[in-house]
Amino acid sequence: DHVFPLQVAVLLSEPSEDFTGGEFVMTEQRPRMQTRPMV
């Protein structure tokens, strides 16, 4: 029930060197609108 509204993620590996792909993605759903994707 107790939720802090913000959180943090720290990337510990180097893109293109340690891995490829694996993007952090988010979506946002606004009322009566299609979902907005974010990378």
PDB file of all heavy atoms in Angstrom:
ATOM      1  N   ASP A   1       0.811  -1.214   0.000  1.00  0.00           N
ATOM      2  CA  ASP A   1       0.000   0.000   0.000  1.00  0.00           C
ATOM      3  C   ASP A   1       0.846   1.267   0.000  1.00  0.00           C
ATOM      4  O   ASP A   1       0.437   2.290  -0.543  1.00  0.00           O
ATOM      5  CB  ASP A   1      -0.930   0.007   1.218  1.00  0.00           C
ATOM      6  CG  ASP A   1      -2.010  -1.064   1.134  1.00  0.00           C
ATOM      7  OD1 ASP A   1      -2.349  -1.472   0.008  1.00  0.00           O
ATOM      8  OD2 ASP A   1      -2.505  -1.488   2.200  1.00  0.00           O
ATOM      9  N   HIS A   2       2.028   1.209   0.632  1.00  0.00           N
ATOM     10  CA  HIS A   2       2.892   2.392   0.707  1.00  0.00           C
ATOM     11  C   HIS A   2       3.871   2.349  -0.465  1.00  0.00           C
ATOM     12  O   HIS A   2       4.760   1.495  -0.517  1.00  0.00           O
ATOM     13  CB  HIS A   2       3.628   2.437   2.043  1.00  0.00           C
ATOM     14  CG  HIS A   2       2.719   2.710   3.201  1.00  0.00           C
ATOM     15  ND1 HIS A   2       2.421   3.983   3.633  1.00  0.00           N
ATOM     16  CD2 HIS A   2       2.010   1.864   3.982  1.00  0.00           C
ATOM     17  CE1 HIS A   2       1.576   3.917   4.656  1.00  0.00           C
ATOM     18  NE2 HIS A   2       1.316   2.642   4.874  1.00  0.00           N
ATOM     19  N   VAL A   3       3.686   3.260  -1.406  1.00  0.00           N
ATOM     20  CA  VAL A   3       4.483   3.296  -2.635  1.00  0.00           C
ATOM     21  C   VAL A   3       5.089   4.687  -2.788  1.00  0.00           C
ATOM     22  O   VAL A   3       4.360   5.687  -2.825  1.00  0.00           O
ATOM     23  CB  VAL A   3       3.619   2.956  -3.864  1.00  0.00           C
ATOM     24  CG1 VAL A   3       4.431   3.103  -5.147  1.00  0.00           C
ATOM     25  CG2 VAL A   3       3.031   1.559  -3.749  1.00  0.00           C
ATOM     26  N   PHE A   4       6.415   4.759  -2.885  1.00  0.00           N
ATOM     27  CA  PHE A   4       7.054   6.035  -3.217  1.00  0.00           C
ATOM     28  C   PHE A   4       6.952   6.215  -4.722  1.00  0.00           C
ATOM     29  O   PHE A   4       7.291   5.306  -5.487  1.00  0.00           O
ATOM     30  CB  PHE A   4       8.510   6.041  -2.762  1.00  0.00           C
ATOM     31  CG  PHE A   4       9.159   7.390  -2.850  1.00  0.00           C
ATOM     32  CD1 PHE A   4       8.815   8.395  -1.959  1.00  0.00           C
ATOM     33  CD2 PHE A   4      10.101   7.665  -3.830  1.00  0.00           C
ATOM     34  CE1 PHE A   4       9.398   9.652  -2.035  1.00  0.00           C
ATOM     35  CE2 PHE A   4      10.693   8.911  -3.929  1.00  0.00           C
ATOM     36  CZ  PHE A   4      10.344   9.911  -3.030  1.00  0.00           C
ATOM     37  N   PRO A   5       6.482   7.363  -5.203  1.00  0.00           N
ATOM     38  CA  PRO A   5       6.107   7.511  -6.616  1.00  0.00           C
ATOM     39  C   PRO A   5       7.248   7.533  -7.624  1.00  0.00           C
ATOM     40  O   PRO A   5       7.000   7.505  -8.824  1.00  0.00           O
ATOM     41  CB  PRO A   5       5.360   8.849  -6.636  1.00  0.00           C
ATOM     42  CG  PRO A   5       4.889   9.061  -5.237  1.00  0.00           C
ATOM     43  CD  PRO A   5       5.985   8.501  -4.398  1.00  0.00           C
ATOM     44  N   LEU A   6       8.508   7.604  -7.169  1.00  0.00           N
ATOM     45  CA  LEU A   6       9.655   7.608  -8.072  1.00  0.00           C
ATOM     46  C   LEU A   6      10.620   6.496  -7.688  1.00  0.00           C
ATOM     47  O   LEU A   6      10.734   6.145  -6.508  1.00  0.00           O
ATOM     48  CB  LEU A   6      10.385   8.954  -8.026  1.00  0.00           C
ATOM     49  CG  LEU A   6       9.628  10.163  -8.564  1.00  0.00           C
ATOM     50  CD1 LEU A   6      10.358  11.460  -8.207  1.00  0.00           C
ATOM     51  CD2 LEU A   6       9.432  10.067 -10.074  1.00  0.00           C
ATOM     52  N   GLN A   7      11.320   5.941  -8.685  1.00  0.00           N
ATOM     53  CA  GLN A   7      12.365   4.983  -8.409  1.00  0.00           C
ATOM     54  C   GLN A   7      13.512   5.212  -9.380  1.00  0.00           C
ATOM     55  O   GLN A   7      13.410   6.030 -10.304  1.00  0.00           O
ATOM     56  CB  GLN A   7      11.868   3.543  -8.504  1.00  0.00           C
ATOM     57  CG  GLN A   7      11.504   3.061  -9.880  1.00  0.00           C
ATOM     58  CD  GLN A   7      10.853   1.682  -9.843  1.00  0.00           C
ATOM     59  OE1 GLN A   7       9.705   1.536  -9.411  1.00  0.00           O
ATOM     60  NE2 GLN A   7      11.567   0.677 -10.310  1.00  0.00           N
ATOM     61  N   VAL A   8      14.619   4.496  -9.166  1.00  0.00           N
ATOM     62  CA  VAL A   8      15.845   4.731  -9.917  1.00  0.00           C
ATOM     63  C   VAL A   8      16.396   3.399 -10.411  1.00  0.00           C
ATOM     64  O   VAL A   8      16.380   2.405  -9.686  1.00  0.00           O
ATOM     65  CB  VAL A   8      16.891   5.452  -9.036  1.00  0.00           C
ATOM     66  CG1 VAL A   8      18.235   5.554  -9.756  1.00  0.00           C
ATOM     67  CG2 VAL A   8      16.389   6.832  -8.630  1.00  0.00           C
ATOM     68  N   ALA A   9      16.875   3.369 -11.651  1.00  0.00           N
ATOM     69  CA  ALA A   9      17.598   2.224 -12.194  1.00  0.00           C
ATOM     70  C   ALA A   9      18.957   2.700 -12.682  1.00  0.00           C
ATOM     71  O   ALA A   9      19.047   3.726 -13.377  1.00  0.00           O
ATOM     72  CB  ALA A   9      16.817   1.576 -13.328  1.00  0.00           C
ATOM     73  N   VAL A  10      20.010   1.971 -12.313  1.00  0.00           N
ATOM     74  CA  VAL A  10      21.374   2.322 -12.709  1.00  0.00           C
ATOM     75  C   VAL A  10      21.909   1.235 -13.636  1.00  0.00           C
ATOM     76  O   VAL A  10      21.942   0.055 -13.254  1.00  0.00           O
ATOM     77  CB  VAL A  10      22.302   2.459 -11.483  1.00  0.00           C
ATOM     78  CG1 VAL A  10      23.672   2.982 -11.923  1.00  0.00           C
ATOM     79  CG2 VAL A  10      21.699   3.372 -10.425  1.00  0.00           C
ATOM     80  N   LEU A  11      22.315   1.611 -14.831  1.00  0.00           N
ATOM     81  CA  LEU A  11      22.879   0.651 -15.772  1.00  0.00           C
ATOM     82  C   LEU A  11      24.331   0.370 -15.389  1.00  0.00           C
ATOM     83  O   LEU A  11      25.154   1.289 -15.318  1.00  0.00           O
ATOM     84  CB  LEU A  11      22.800   1.198 -17.202  1.00  0.00           C
ATOM     85  CG  LEU A  11      23.281   0.255 -18.302  1.00  0.00           C
ATOM     86  CD1 LEU A  11      22.479  -1.037 -18.321  1.00  0.00           C
ATOM     87  CD2 LEU A  11      23.214   0.944 -19.659  1.00  0.00           C
ATOM     88  N   LEU A  12      24.658  -0.908 -15.159  1.00  0.00           N
ATOM     89  CA  LEU A  12      25.987  -1.298 -14.693  1.00  0.00           C
ATOM     90  C   LEU A  12      26.872  -1.849 -15.803  1.00  0.00           C
ATOM     91  O   LEU A  12      28.054  -2.128 -15.565  1.00  0.00           O
ATOM     92  CB  LEU A  12      25.853  -2.350 -13.583  1.00  0.00           C
ATOM     93  CG  LEU A  12      24.982  -1.952 -12.380  1.00  0.00           C
ATOM     94  CD1 LEU A  12      24.904  -3.108 -11.393  1.00  0.00           C
ATOM     95  CD2 LEU A  12      25.506  -0.697 -11.703  1.00  0.00           C
ATOM     96  N   SER A  13      26.336  -2.023 -17.013  1.00  0.00           N
ATOM     97  CA  SER A  13      27.072  -2.558 -18.158  1.00  0.00           C
ATOM     98  C   SER A  13      27.120  -1.513 -19.266  1.00  0.00           C
ATOM     99  O   SER A  13      26.282  -0.610 -19.307  1.00  0.00           O
ATOM    100  CB  SER A  13      26.398  -3.831 -18.667  1.00  0.00           C
ATOM    101  OG  SER A  13      26.232  -4.787 -17.619  1.00  0.00           O
ATOM    102  N   GLU A  14      28.104  -1.655 -20.154  1.00  0.00           N
ATOM    103  CA  GLU A  14      28.297  -0.653 -21.205  1.00  0.00           C
ATOM    104  C   GLU A  14      27.636  -1.106 -22.507  1.00  0.00           C
ATOM    105  O   GLU A  14      28.012  -2.140 -23.071  1.00  0.00           O
ATOM    106  CB  GLU A  14      29.786  -0.429 -21.454  1.00  0.00           C
ATOM    107  CG  GLU A  14      30.088   0.670 -22.463  1.00  0.00           C
ATOM    108  CD  GLU A  14      29.593   2.029 -22.018  1.00  0.00           C
ATOM    109  OE1 GLU A  14      29.949   2.465 -20.903  1.00  0.00           O
ATOM    110  OE2 GLU A  14      28.826   2.638 -22.786  1.00  0.00           O
ATOM    111  N   PRO A  15      26.656  -0.343 -23.011  1.00  0.00           N
ATOM    112  CA  PRO A  15      26.052  -0.682 -24.299  1.00  0.00           C
ATOM    113  C   PRO A  15      27.092  -0.726 -25.411  1.00  0.00           C
ATOM    114  O   PRO A  15      28.071   0.032 -25.399  1.00  0.00           O
ATOM    115  CB  PRO A  15      25.044   0.450 -24.532  1.00  0.00           C
ATOM    116  CG  PRO A  15      24.775   1.006 -23.173  1.00  0.00           C
ATOM    117  CD  PRO A  15      26.048   0.855 -22.403  1.00  0.00           C
ATOM    118  N   SER A  16      26.875  -1.626 -26.366  1.00  0.00           N
ATOM    119  CA  SER A  16      27.738  -1.843 -27.531  1.00  0.00           C
ATOM    120  C   SER A  16      29.025  -2.576 -27.185  1.00  0.00           C
ATOM    121  O   SER A  16      29.607  -3.224 -28.056  1.00  0.00           O
ATOM    122  CB  SER A  16      28.091  -0.520 -28.240  1.00  0.00           C
ATOM    123  OG  SER A  16      26.913   0.117 -28.708  1.00  0.00           O
ATOM    124  N   GLU A  17      29.482  -2.492 -25.941  1.00  0.00           N
ATOM    125  CA  GLU A  17      30.672  -3.233 -25.524  1.00  0.00           C
ATOM    126  C   GLU A  17      30.283  -4.509 -24.773  1.00  0.00           C
ATOM    127  O   GLU A  17      30.726  -5.599 -25.127  1.00  0.00           O
ATOM    128  CB  GLU A  17      31.571  -2.365 -24.643  1.00  0.00           C
ATOM    129  CG  GLU A  17      32.187  -1.176 -25.348  1.00  0.00           C
ATOM    130  CD  GLU A  17      33.096  -0.378 -24.450  1.00  0.00           C
ATOM    131  OE1 GLU A  17      33.427  -0.879 -23.339  1.00  0.00           O
ATOM    132  OE2 GLU A  17      33.477   0.743 -24.829  1.00  0.00           O
ATOM    133  N   ASP A  18      29.463  -4.377 -23.744  1.00  0.00           N
ATOM    134  CA  ASP A  18      29.045  -5.531 -22.948  1.00  0.00           C
ATOM    135  C   ASP A  18      27.800  -6.202 -23.513  1.00  0.00           C
ATOM    136  O   ASP A  18      27.585  -7.390 -23.286  1.00  0.00           O
ATOM    137  CB  ASP A  18      28.776  -5.116 -21.502  1.00  0.00           C
ATOM    138  CG  ASP A  18      30.005  -4.572 -20.810  1.00  0.00           C
ATOM    139  OD1 ASP A  18      31.111  -5.070 -21.115  1.00  0.00           O
ATOM    140  OD2 ASP A  18      29.883  -3.652 -19.984  1.00  0.00           O
ATOM    141  N   PHE A  19      26.959  -5.448 -24.216  1.00  0.00           N
ATOM    142  CA  PHE A  19      25.712  -6.006 -24.740  1.00  0.00           C
ATOM    143  C   PHE A  19      25.193  -5.132 -25.869  1.00  0.00           C
ATOM    144  O   PHE A  19      25.593  -3.973 -26.019  1.00  0.00           O
ATOM    145  CB  PHE A  19      24.657  -6.113 -23.636  1.00  0.00           C
ATOM    146  CG  PHE A  19      24.137  -4.783 -23.141  1.00  0.00           C
ATOM    147  CD1 PHE A  19      22.983  -4.216 -23.678  1.00  0.00           C
ATOM    148  CD2 PHE A  19      24.805  -4.078 -22.144  1.00  0.00           C
ATOM    149  CE1 PHE A  19      22.503  -2.995 -23.241  1.00  0.00           C
ATOM    150  CE2 PHE A  19      24.332  -2.854 -21.690  1.00  0.00           C
ATOM    151  CZ  PHE A  19      23.177  -2.317 -22.238  1.00  0.00           C
ATOM    152  N   THR A  20      24.278  -5.703 -26.658  1.00  0.00           N
ATOM    153  CA  THR A  20      23.520  -4.935 -27.645  1.00  0.00           C
ATOM    154  C   THR A  20      22.036  -5.223 -27.441  1.00  0.00           C
ATOM    155  O   THR A  20      21.663  -6.271 -26.900  1.00  0.00           O
ATOM    156  CB  THR A  20      23.913  -5.289 -29.086  1.00  0.00           C
ATOM    157  OG1 THR A  20      23.656  -6.684 -29.324  1.00  0.00           O
ATOM    158  CG2 THR A  20      25.390  -4.993 -29.336  1.00  0.00           C
ATOM    159  N   GLY A  21      21.191  -4.298 -27.915  1.00  0.00           N
ATOM    160  CA  GLY A  21      19.769  -4.389 -27.596  1.00  0.00           C
ATOM    161  C   GLY A  21      19.561  -3.942 -26.159  1.00  0.00           C
ATOM    162  O   GLY A  21      20.310  -3.126 -25.620  1.00  0.00           O
ATOM    163  N   GLY A  22      18.531  -4.486 -25.511  1.00  0.00           N
ATOM    164  CA  GLY A  22      18.334  -4.247 -24.082  1.00  0.00           C
ATOM    165  C   GLY A  22      18.133  -2.797 -23.699  1.00  0.00           C
ATOM    166  O   GLY A  22      18.710  -2.333 -22.711  1.00  0.00           O
ATOM    167  N   GLU A  23      17.311  -2.059 -24.436  1.00  0.00           N
ATOM    168  CA  GLU A  23      17.036  -0.664 -24.094  1.00  0.00           C
ATOM    169  C   GLU A  23      16.032  -0.581 -22.939  1.00  0.00           C
ATOM    170  O   GLU A  23      15.123  -1.403 -22.818  1.00  0.00           O
ATOM    171  CB  GLU A  23      16.473   0.093 -25.297  1.00  0.00           C
ATOM    172  CG  GLU A  23      17.423   0.217 -26.469  1.00  0.00           C
ATOM    173  CD  GLU A  23      17.287  -0.907 -27.472  1.00  0.00           C
ATOM    174  OE1 GLU A  23      16.563  -1.895 -27.168  1.00  0.00           O
ATOM    175  OE2 GLU A  23      17.895  -0.823 -28.551  1.00  0.00           O
ATOM    176  N   PHE A  24      16.199   0.433 -22.110  1.00  0.00           N
ATOM    177  CA  PHE A  24      15.213   0.730 -21.065  1.00  0.00           C
ATOM    178  C   PHE A  24      14.052   1.460 -21.735  1.00  0.00           C
ATOM    179  O   PHE A  24      14.249   2.489 -22.374  1.00  0.00           O
ATOM    180  CB  PHE A  24      15.832   1.598 -19.980  1.00  0.00           C
ATOM    181  CG  PHE A  24      14.906   1.872 -18.816  1.00  0.00           C
ATOM    182  CD1 PHE A  24      14.887   1.028 -17.718  1.00  0.00           C
ATOM    183  CD2 PHE A  24      14.048   2.971 -18.827  1.00  0.00           C
ATOM    184  CE1 PHE A  24      14.035   1.274 -16.653  1.00  0.00           C
ATOM    185  CE2 PHE A  24      13.192   3.218 -17.767  1.00  0.00           C
ATOM    186  CZ  PHE A  24      13.187   2.365 -16.681  1.00  0.00           C
ATOM    187  N   VAL A  25      12.852   0.915 -21.591  1.00  0.00           N
ATOM    188  CA  VAL A  25      11.689   1.479 -22.271  1.00  0.00           C
ATOM    189  C   VAL A  25      10.589   1.796 -21.267  1.00  0.00           C
ATOM    190  O   VAL A  25      10.493   1.179 -20.199  1.00  0.00           O
ATOM    191  CB  VAL A  25      11.140   0.524 -23.356  1.00  0.00           C
ATOM    192  CG1 VAL A  25      12.190   0.285 -24.425  1.00  0.00           C
ATOM    193  CG2 VAL A  25      10.696  -0.803 -22.749  1.00  0.00           C
ATOM    194  N   MET A  26       9.765   2.783 -21.622  1.00  0.00           N
ATOM    195  CA  MET A  26       8.612   3.145 -20.816  1.00  0.00           C
ATOM    196  C   MET A  26       7.417   3.385 -21.726  1.00  0.00           C
ATOM    197  O   MET A  26       7.584   3.713 -22.908  1.00  0.00           O
ATOM    198  CB  MET A  26       8.887   4.411 -19.989  1.00  0.00           C
ATOM    199  CG  MET A  26       9.987   4.271 -18.969  1.00  0.00           C
ATOM    200  SD  MET A  26      10.133   5.745 -17.912  1.00  0.00           S
ATOM    201  CE  MET A  26       8.571   5.672 -17.020  1.00  0.00           C
ATOM    202  N   THR A  27       6.235   3.223 -21.175  1.00  0.00           N
ATOM    203  CA  THR A  27       5.013   3.606 -21.879  1.00  0.00           C
ATOM    204  C   THR A  27       4.181   4.497 -20.962  1.00  0.00           C
ATOM    205  O   THR A  27       4.239   4.388 -19.738  1.00  0.00           O
ATOM    206  CB  THR A  27       4.170   2.391 -22.290  1.00  0.00           C
ATOM    207  OG1 THR A  27       3.775   1.653 -21.124  1.00  0.00           O
ATOM    208  CG2 THR A  27       4.944   1.489 -23.236  1.00  0.00           C
ATOM    209  N   GLU A  28       3.423   5.376 -21.604  1.00  0.00           N
ATOM    210  CA  GLU A  28       2.552   6.293 -20.870  1.00  0.00           C
ATOM    211  C   GLU A  28       1.161   6.259 -21.499  1.00  0.00           C
ATOM    212  O   GLU A  28       1.009   6.481 -22.691  1.00  0.00           O
ATOM    213  CB  GLU A  28       3.127   7.708 -20.930  1.00  0.00           C
ATOM    214  CG  GLU A  28       2.301   8.744 -20.176  1.00  0.00           C
ATOM    215  CD  GLU A  28       2.936  10.112 -20.259  1.00  0.00           C
ATOM    216  OE1 GLU A  28       2.643  10.844 -21.226  1.00  0.00           O
ATOM    217  OE2 GLU A  28       3.740  10.432 -19.367  1.00  0.00           O
ATOM    218  N   GLN A  29       0.173   5.947 -20.678  1.00  0.00           N
ATOM    219  CA  GLN A  29      -1.208   5.868 -21.146  1.00  0.00           C
ATOM    220  C   GLN A  29      -1.983   7.067 -20.635  1.00  0.00           C
ATOM    221  O   GLN A  29      -2.194   7.214 -19.432  1.00  0.00           O
ATOM    222  CB  GLN A  29      -1.874   4.580 -20.658  1.00  0.00           C
ATOM    223  CG  GLN A  29      -3.309   4.419 -21.113  1.00  0.00           C
ATOM    224  CD  GLN A  29      -3.442   4.387 -22.632  1.00  0.00           C
ATOM    225  OE1 GLN A  29      -2.866   3.538 -23.288  1.00  0.00           O
ATOM    226  NE2 GLN A  29      -4.190   5.333 -23.190  1.00  0.00           N
ATOM    227  N   ARG A  30      -2.406   7.932 -21.572  1.00  0.00           N
ATOM    228  CA  ARG A  30      -3.221   9.084 -21.222  1.00  0.00           C
ATOM    229  C   ARG A  30      -4.686   8.769 -21.499  1.00  0.00           C
ATOM    230  O   ARG A  30      -4.984   7.991 -22.407  1.00  0.00           O
ATOM    231  CB  ARG A  30      -2.778  10.311 -22.030  1.00  0.00           C
ATOM    232  CG  ARG A  30      -1.324  10.681 -21.809  1.00  0.00           C
ATOM    233  CD  ARG A  30      -0.960  12.003 -22.465  1.00  0.00           C
ATOM    234  NE  ARG A  30       0.443  12.327 -22.259  1.00  0.00           N
ATOM    235  CZ  ARG A  30       0.986  13.519 -22.480  1.00  0.00           C
ATOM    236  NH1 ARG A  30       0.223  14.505 -22.937  1.00  0.00           N
ATOM    237  NH2 ARG A  30       2.265  13.726 -22.265  1.00  0.00           N
ATOM    238  N   PRO A  31      -5.602   9.353 -20.736  1.00  0.00           N
ATOM    239  CA  PRO A  31      -7.029   9.051 -20.936  1.00  0.00           C
ATOM    240  C   PRO A  31      -7.474   9.329 -22.363  1.00  0.00           C
ATOM    241  O   PRO A  31      -7.160  10.373 -22.935  1.00  0.00           O
ATOM    242  CB  PRO A  31      -7.725   9.986 -19.938  1.00  0.00           C
ATOM    243  CG  PRO A  31      -6.699  10.272 -18.890  1.00  0.00           C
ATOM    244  CD  PRO A  31      -5.384  10.286 -19.611  1.00  0.00           C
ATOM    245  N   ARG A  32      -8.175   8.351 -22.962  1.00  0.00           N
ATOM    246  CA  ARG A  32      -8.777   8.489 -24.294  1.00  0.00           C
ATOM    247  C   ARG A  32      -7.740   8.774 -25.375  1.00  0.00           C
ATOM    248  O   ARG A  32      -8.043   9.370 -26.399  1.00  0.00           O
ATOM    249  CB  ARG A  32      -9.863   9.575 -24.286  1.00  0.00           C
ATOM    250  CG  ARG A  32     -11.031   9.271 -23.337  1.00  0.00           C
ATOM    251  CD  ARG A  32     -12.007  10.417 -23.288  1.00  0.00           C
ATOM    252  NE  ARG A  32     -11.390  11.637 -22.790  1.00  0.00           N
ATOM    253  CZ  ARG A  32     -11.174  11.886 -21.501  1.00  0.00           C
ATOM    254  NH1 ARG A  32     -11.538  11.010 -20.579  1.00  0.00           N
ATOM    255  NH2 ARG A  32     -10.617  13.023 -21.124  1.00  0.00           N
ATOM    256  N   MET A  33      -6.483   8.355 -25.147  1.00  0.00           N
ATOM    257  CA  MET A  33      -5.424   8.518 -26.135  1.00  0.00           C
ATOM    258  C   MET A  33      -4.665   7.211 -26.267  1.00  0.00           C
ATOM    259  O   MET A  33      -4.691   6.369 -25.364  1.00  0.00           O
ATOM    260  CB  MET A  33      -4.458   9.649 -25.729  1.00  0.00           C
ATOM    261  CG  MET A  33      -5.102  11.025 -25.661  1.00  0.00           C
ATOM    262  SD  MET A  33      -3.950  12.291 -25.059  1.00  0.00           S
ATOM    263  CE  MET A  33      -2.770  12.333 -26.405  1.00  0.00           C
ATOM    264  N   GLN A  34      -3.985   7.020 -27.386  1.00  0.00           N
ATOM    265  CA  GLN A  34      -3.164   5.832 -27.547  1.00  0.00           C
ATOM    266  C   GLN A  34      -1.906   5.923 -26.685  1.00  0.00           C
ATOM    267  O   GLN A  34      -1.470   7.006 -26.295  1.00  0.00           O
ATOM    268  CB  GLN A  34      -2.797   5.659 -29.022  1.00  0.00           C
ATOM    269  CG  GLN A  34      -3.999   5.324 -29.909  1.00  0.00           C
ATOM    270  CD  GLN A  34      -3.594   5.030 -31.335  1.00  0.00           C
ATOM    271  OE1 GLN A  34      -2.561   5.485 -31.802  1.00  0.00           O
ATOM    272  NE2 GLN A  34      -4.425   4.256 -32.021  1.00  0.00           N
ATOM    273  N   THR A  35      -1.330   4.768 -26.401  1.00  0.00           N
ATOM    274  CA  THR A  35      -0.168   4.686 -25.524  1.00  0.00           C
ATOM    275  C   THR A  35       1.063   5.307 -26.179  1.00  0.00           C
ATOM    276  O   THR A  35       1.349   5.070 -27.357  1.00  0.00           O
ATOM    277  CB  THR A  35       0.120   3.216 -25.168  1.00  0.00           C
ATOM    278  OG1 THR A  35      -1.012   2.672 -24.494  1.00  0.00           O
ATOM    279  CG2 THR A  35       1.343   3.101 -24.282  1.00  0.00           C
ATOM    280  N   ARG A  36       1.803   6.088 -25.398  1.00  0.00           N
ATOM    281  CA  ARG A  36       3.025   6.736 -25.892  1.00  0.00           C
ATOM    282  C   ARG A  36       4.242   5.919 -25.466  1.00  0.00           C
ATOM    283  O   ARG A  36       4.457   5.694 -24.273  1.00  0.00           O
ATOM    284  CB  ARG A  36       3.129   8.147 -25.328  1.00  0.00           C
ATOM    285  CG  ARG A  36       4.371   8.909 -25.780  1.00  0.00           C
ATOM    286  CD  ARG A  36       4.292  10.374 -25.396  1.00  0.00           C
ATOM    287  NE  ARG A  36       4.523  10.620 -23.996  1.00  0.00           N
ATOM    288  CZ  ARG A  36       5.596  11.272 -23.505  1.00  0.00           C
ATOM    289  NH1 ARG A  36       6.524  11.727 -24.326  1.00  0.00           N
ATOM    290  NH2 ARG A  36       5.709  11.488 -22.216  1.00  0.00           N
ATOM    291  N   PRO A  37       5.083   5.430 -26.413  1.00  0.00           N
ATOM    292  CA  PRO A  37       6.300   4.706 -26.059  1.00  0.00           C
ATOM    293  C   PRO A  37       7.480   5.652 -25.892  1.00  0.00           C
ATOM    294  O   PRO A  37       7.559   6.688 -26.557  1.00  0.00           O
ATOM    295  CB  PRO A  37       6.514   3.780 -27.255  1.00  0.00           C
ATOM    296  CG  PRO A  37       5.971   4.569 -28.409  1.00  0.00           C
ATOM    297  CD  PRO A  37       4.830   5.404 -27.867  1.00  0.00           C
ATOM    298  N   MET A  38       8.413   5.288 -25.005  1.00  0.00           N
ATOM    299  CA  MET A  38       9.610   6.088 -24.780  1.00  0.00           C
ATOM    300  C   MET A  38      10.796   5.148 -24.595  1.00  0.00           C
ATOM    301  O   MET A  38      10.682   4.131 -23.909  1.00  0.00           O
ATOM    302  CB  MET A  38       9.446   6.967 -23.533  1.00  0.00           C
ATOM    303  CG  MET A  38       8.326   7.994 -23.628  1.00  0.00           C
ATOM    304  SD  MET A  38       7.980   8.828 -22.034  1.00  0.00           S
ATOM    305  CE  MET A  38       7.002   7.549 -21.209  1.00  0.00           C
ATOM    306  N   VAL A  39      11.928   5.480 -25.191  1.00  0.00           N
ATOM    307  CA  VAL A  39      13.176   4.757 -25.001  1.00  0.00           C
ATOM    308  C   VAL A  39      14.155   5.692 -24.304  1.00  0.00           C
ATOM    309  O   VAL A  39      14.384   6.815 -24.762  1.00  0.00           O
ATOM    310  CB  VAL A  39      13.762   4.274 -26.339  1.00  0.00           C
ATOM    311  CG1 VAL A  39      15.103   3.588 -26.118  1.00  0.00           C
ATOM    312  CG2 VAL A  39      12.789   3.321 -27.031  1.00  0.00           C
TER     313      VAL A  39
END
